[in-house]
Amino acid sequence: MNDAAALKFETQDIVVDEIFPHAPETIWKTLTNGELMGRWIMPPSGFEAVEGTRFTFQTTPAGAWDGTIRCQVLEVRPHERFVYSWQGGDEGNVGYGSRLDTVVTWTLTKVDNGTRLRLVHSGFVTPKNDTAFSNMSNGWPKVLSRLGSVTDEQN
């Protein structure tokens, strides 16, 4: 194995696809409104759906990690695509709270009966991020279910 191959990491992505009985504009509001976001994922601090905006979520600390998830809005295409970085953890942690440097991409597509919402949470490095990958693979479908409930309340 040469040095370049030794430095190449395997990554995994979480993909969740759901169809909601709402227009893309309605789903978009739930995705990009800070108050609503706090009801389906976690309350954000400093959030605005504007490219370049840095914001944080706070979750359970572990070891050397303070529990802060640092995000930056990378792309905003209203009613179509919303992308942000998702970084947290600490190099000194193993398992929960290990260093994580990922990207969350939401894609909205109008369909006959509403909106197809596709979430791709990409960049989980194996085996370092296996715990986060497993936990979030189970968690994201629940988050989308809550997102649907919050959106239902808007109508």
Protein backbone atom coordinates (compact mmCIF):
# COMPACT_ATOMS: atom_id res chain seq x y z
CA MET A 1 0.00 0.00 0.00
CA ASN A 2 1.42 3.40 -0.92
CA ASP A 3 1.17 6.49 1.31
CA ALA A 4 -1.76 7.97 -0.63
CA ALA A 5 -3.80 4.79 -0.18
CA ALA A 6 -2.95 4.71 3.52
CA LEU A 7 -4.35 8.23 3.93
CA LYS A 8 -7.63 7.48 2.14
CA PHE A 9 -10.49 7.02 4.57
CA GLU A 10 -13.68 5.07 4.02
CA THR A 11 -16.79 7.14 4.61
CA GLN A 12 -20.46 6.30 5.06
CA ASP A 13 -23.58 8.36 4.43
CA ILE A 14 -27.00 8.26 6.07
CA VAL A 15 -29.85 8.67 3.58
CA VAL A 16 -33.48 9.11 4.61
CA ASP A 17 -36.23 9.70 2.04
CA GLU A 18 -39.79 10.67 2.99
CA ILE A 19 -42.80 12.05 1.16
CA PHE A 20 -44.84 14.64 3.04
CA PRO A 21 -48.35 15.81 2.05
CA HIS A 22 -47.25 19.45 1.99
CA ALA A 23 -45.99 21.90 -0.63
CA PRO A 24 -42.20 22.43 -0.80
CA GLU A 25 -42.69 25.97 0.54
CA THR A 26 -44.32 24.60 3.70
CA ILE A 27 -41.60 22.00 4.29
CA TRP A 28 -38.98 24.67 3.59
CA LYS A 29 -40.38 26.90 6.33
CA THR A 30 -40.17 24.05 8.86
CA LEU A 31 -36.59 23.26 7.75
CA THR A 32 -35.27 26.82 7.84
CA ASN A 33 -37.14 28.62 10.63
CA GLY A 34 -35.04 28.55 13.82
CA GLU A 35 -38.02 28.38 16.19
CA LEU A 36 -39.58 25.51 14.23
CA MET A 37 -36.20 23.78 13.85
CA GLY A 38 -35.92 23.74 17.64
CA ARG A 39 -39.11 21.71 17.79
CA TRP A 40 -38.06 18.91 15.41
CA ILE A 41 -34.29 18.62 15.94
CA MET A 42 -32.70 20.86 18.62
CA PRO A 43 -32.91 24.57 19.34
CA PRO A 44 -30.19 26.26 17.26
CA SER A 45 -28.15 29.20 18.50
CA GLY A 46 -27.31 31.94 16.00
CA PHE A 47 -29.21 30.28 13.15
CA GLU A 48 -30.26 32.01 9.93
CA ALA A 49 -30.86 30.26 6.61
CA VAL A 50 -28.22 32.45 4.93
CA GLU A 51 -25.09 31.05 3.28
CA GLY A 52 -22.05 31.52 5.49
CA THR A 53 -24.02 31.76 8.75
CA ARG A 54 -22.41 29.85 11.61
CA PHE A 55 -24.71 28.35 14.25
CA THR A 56 -24.62 25.70 16.95
CA PHE A 57 -26.72 22.97 18.50
CA GLN A 58 -26.11 21.76 22.06
CA THR A 59 -26.36 18.07 22.95
CA THR A 60 -25.05 15.75 25.66
CA PRO A 61 -21.30 16.29 26.35
CA ALA A 62 -18.94 13.30 26.38
CA GLY A 63 -15.35 13.11 27.62
CA ALA A 64 -13.32 15.99 26.17
CA TRP A 65 -16.25 17.14 24.00
CA ASP A 66 -18.51 19.87 25.38
CA GLY A 67 -21.56 18.66 23.40
CA THR A 68 -21.53 21.60 20.98
CA ILE A 69 -22.31 20.81 17.34
CA ARG A 70 -20.83 23.56 15.16
CA CYS A 71 -22.56 24.19 11.86
CA GLN A 72 -22.21 26.53 8.93
CA VAL A 73 -24.82 27.10 6.23
CA LEU A 74 -23.17 26.07 2.95
CA GLU A 75 -26.00 26.33 0.42
CA VAL A 76 -29.50 27.81 0.34
CA ARG A 77 -31.77 27.27 -2.68
CA PRO A 78 -35.23 28.18 -1.38
CA HIS A 79 -37.80 25.39 -1.58
CA GLU A 80 -35.19 23.08 -3.21
CA ARG A 81 -31.95 22.52 -1.28
CA PHE A 82 -30.50 23.39 2.13
CA VAL A 83 -26.96 22.30 3.12
CA TYR A 84 -24.92 22.83 6.29
CA SER A 85 -21.77 21.43 7.87
CA TRP A 86 -22.11 19.43 11.09
CA GLN A 87 -18.97 19.27 13.24
CA GLY A 88 -18.43 18.17 16.79
CA GLY A 89 -16.67 15.80 19.09
CA ASP A 90 -13.05 15.63 20.12
CA GLU A 91 -10.04 13.70 18.79
CA GLY A 92 -9.45 12.33 22.30
CA ASN A 93 -12.82 10.61 22.46
CA VAL A 94 -13.61 7.10 21.28
CA GLY A 95 -17.21 6.15 20.46
CA TYR A 96 -19.82 8.76 21.38
CA GLY A 97 -18.23 12.19 21.13
CA SER A 98 -15.43 11.24 18.72
CA ARG A 99 -14.38 13.95 16.24
CA LEU A 100 -17.04 14.38 13.54
CA ASP A 101 -16.78 16.51 10.38
CA THR A 102 -19.85 15.89 8.22
CA VAL A 103 -22.38 17.61 5.95
CA VAL A 104 -26.19 17.58 6.13
CA THR A 105 -28.02 18.04 2.80
CA TRP A 106 -31.79 18.46 2.51
CA THR A 107 -33.30 18.19 -0.98
CA LEU A 108 -36.95 19.01 -1.63
CA THR A 109 -38.71 17.77 -4.76
CA LYS A 110 -42.33 18.51 -5.62
CA VAL A 111 -44.31 15.31 -6.24
CA ASP A 112 -47.98 14.72 -7.07
CA ASN A 113 -49.03 14.22 -3.47
CA GLY A 114 -46.71 16.75 -1.78
CA THR A 115 -42.96 16.96 -1.31
CA ARG A 116 -40.25 14.34 -1.34
CA LEU A 117 -37.70 15.29 1.31
CA ARG A 118 -34.34 13.58 1.01
CA LEU A 119 -31.79 13.89 3.80
CA VAL A 120 -28.18 12.90 3.19
CA HIS A 121 -25.87 13.17 6.19
CA SER A 122 -22.48 12.48 4.63
CA GLY A 123 -18.88 12.02 5.63
CA PHE A 124 -18.88 9.57 8.55
CA VAL A 125 -15.31 8.21 8.68
CA THR A 126 -15.04 4.50 9.52
CA PRO A 127 -14.28 3.15 12.03
CA LYS A 128 -13.77 6.42 13.98
CA ASN A 129 -17.37 7.62 13.52
CA ASP A 130 -19.11 4.22 13.69
CA THR A 131 -20.90 5.07 16.96
CA ALA A 132 -22.18 8.40 15.59
CA PHE A 133 -23.17 6.71 12.33
CA SER A 134 -25.14 4.03 14.17
CA ASN A 135 -26.82 6.47 16.57
CA MET A 136 -27.71 8.96 13.86
CA SER A 137 -28.86 6.26 11.43
CA ASN A 138 -31.47 5.38 14.05
CA GLY A 139 -32.12 9.00 15.01
CA TRP A 140 -32.64 10.76 11.67
CA PRO A 141 -35.86 8.84 10.75
CA LYS A 142 -37.31 9.92 14.13
CA VAL A 143 -36.22 13.51 13.45
CA LEU A 144 -38.00 13.44 10.07
CA SER A 145 -41.13 12.12 11.75
CA ARG A 146 -41.04 15.06 14.20
CA LEU A 147 -40.39 17.43 11.27
CA GLY A 148 -43.56 16.07 9.66
CA SER A 149 -45.55 16.62 12.86
CA VAL A 150 -44.29 20.19 13.22
CA THR A 151 -45.15 20.84 9.56
CA ASP A 152 -48.65 19.39 10.08
CA GLU A 153 -49.20 21.93 12.88
CA GLN A 154 -48.40 24.80 10.47
CA ASN A 155 -51.44 24.07 8.29
